[in-house]
Protein backbone atom coordinates (compact mmCIF):
# COMPACT_ATOMS: atom_id res chain seq x y z
CA MET A 1 18.22 73.89 57.77
CA ALA A 2 17.43 70.87 59.67
CA ASN A 3 19.79 67.81 60.05
CA LYS A 4 18.88 65.10 57.72
CA ASN A 5 20.16 62.25 60.01
CA LYS A 6 18.42 63.25 63.20
CA GLY A 7 16.89 60.38 65.17
CA ASN A 8 16.67 56.84 64.21
CA VAL A 9 15.97 57.38 60.49
CA GLN A 10 18.80 57.70 57.88
CA ILE A 11 18.89 58.29 54.15
CA ILE A 12 21.20 55.62 52.62
CA ARG A 13 22.33 54.66 49.09
CA LEU A 14 21.77 51.28 47.72
CA ARG A 15 24.34 50.38 44.92
CA SER A 16 23.96 47.54 42.43
CA THR A 17 26.41 44.83 42.47
CA GLU A 18 26.33 44.42 38.72
CA SER A 19 26.46 48.01 37.31
CA HIS A 20 26.97 51.61 38.55
CA HIS A 21 23.19 52.24 39.15
CA CYS A 22 22.03 53.33 42.77
CA TYR A 23 18.80 53.96 44.61
CA TYR A 24 18.24 56.15 47.55
CA THR A 25 15.94 55.22 50.38
CA LYS A 26 15.30 55.56 54.17
CA LYS A 27 16.39 53.11 56.90
CA ASN A 28 15.40 52.93 60.56
CA LYS A 29 18.77 52.36 62.45
CA LYS A 30 16.93 50.88 65.39
CA ASN A 31 14.98 48.36 63.42
CA THR A 32 17.73 47.30 60.94
CA PRO A 33 21.20 47.93 62.64
CA GLY A 34 23.19 45.95 59.84
CA LYS A 35 23.77 46.73 56.21
CA MET A 36 20.68 46.42 53.96
CA GLU A 37 20.49 44.09 50.95
CA LEU A 38 17.56 44.31 48.58
CA ARG A 39 16.71 42.77 45.14
CA LYS A 40 15.54 45.57 42.96
CA TYR A 41 15.22 46.29 39.31
CA ASP A 42 18.49 47.54 37.45
CA PRO A 43 17.49 49.73 34.52
CA VAL A 44 20.99 49.74 33.09
CA ILE A 45 21.09 45.86 32.66
CA LYS A 46 17.31 45.46 32.45
CA ARG A 47 16.90 42.76 35.11
CA HIS A 48 16.62 42.41 38.89
CA THR A 49 20.00 42.31 40.79
CA LEU A 50 21.18 42.61 44.37
CA TYR A 51 21.58 46.08 45.76
CA ARG A 52 23.71 46.65 48.79
CA GLU A 53 23.99 49.56 51.26
CA SER A 54 26.95 51.66 50.35
CA GLY A 55 26.75 54.43 52.79
CA LYS A 56 24.97 57.64 53.63
CA ALA A 57 23.56 59.86 51.10
């Protein structure tokens, strides 16, 4: 089976700052070397919140 983290693209986990919910997405390490922060919809609390990168998937 192929390595998931080969090259510049990583699969990362984005965790909500207000609940336990998380999203999984891809990130290009070359274009975005720092930690990602996105505002996304949180279905647990039913509103948009800040999601921060919390490590590899």
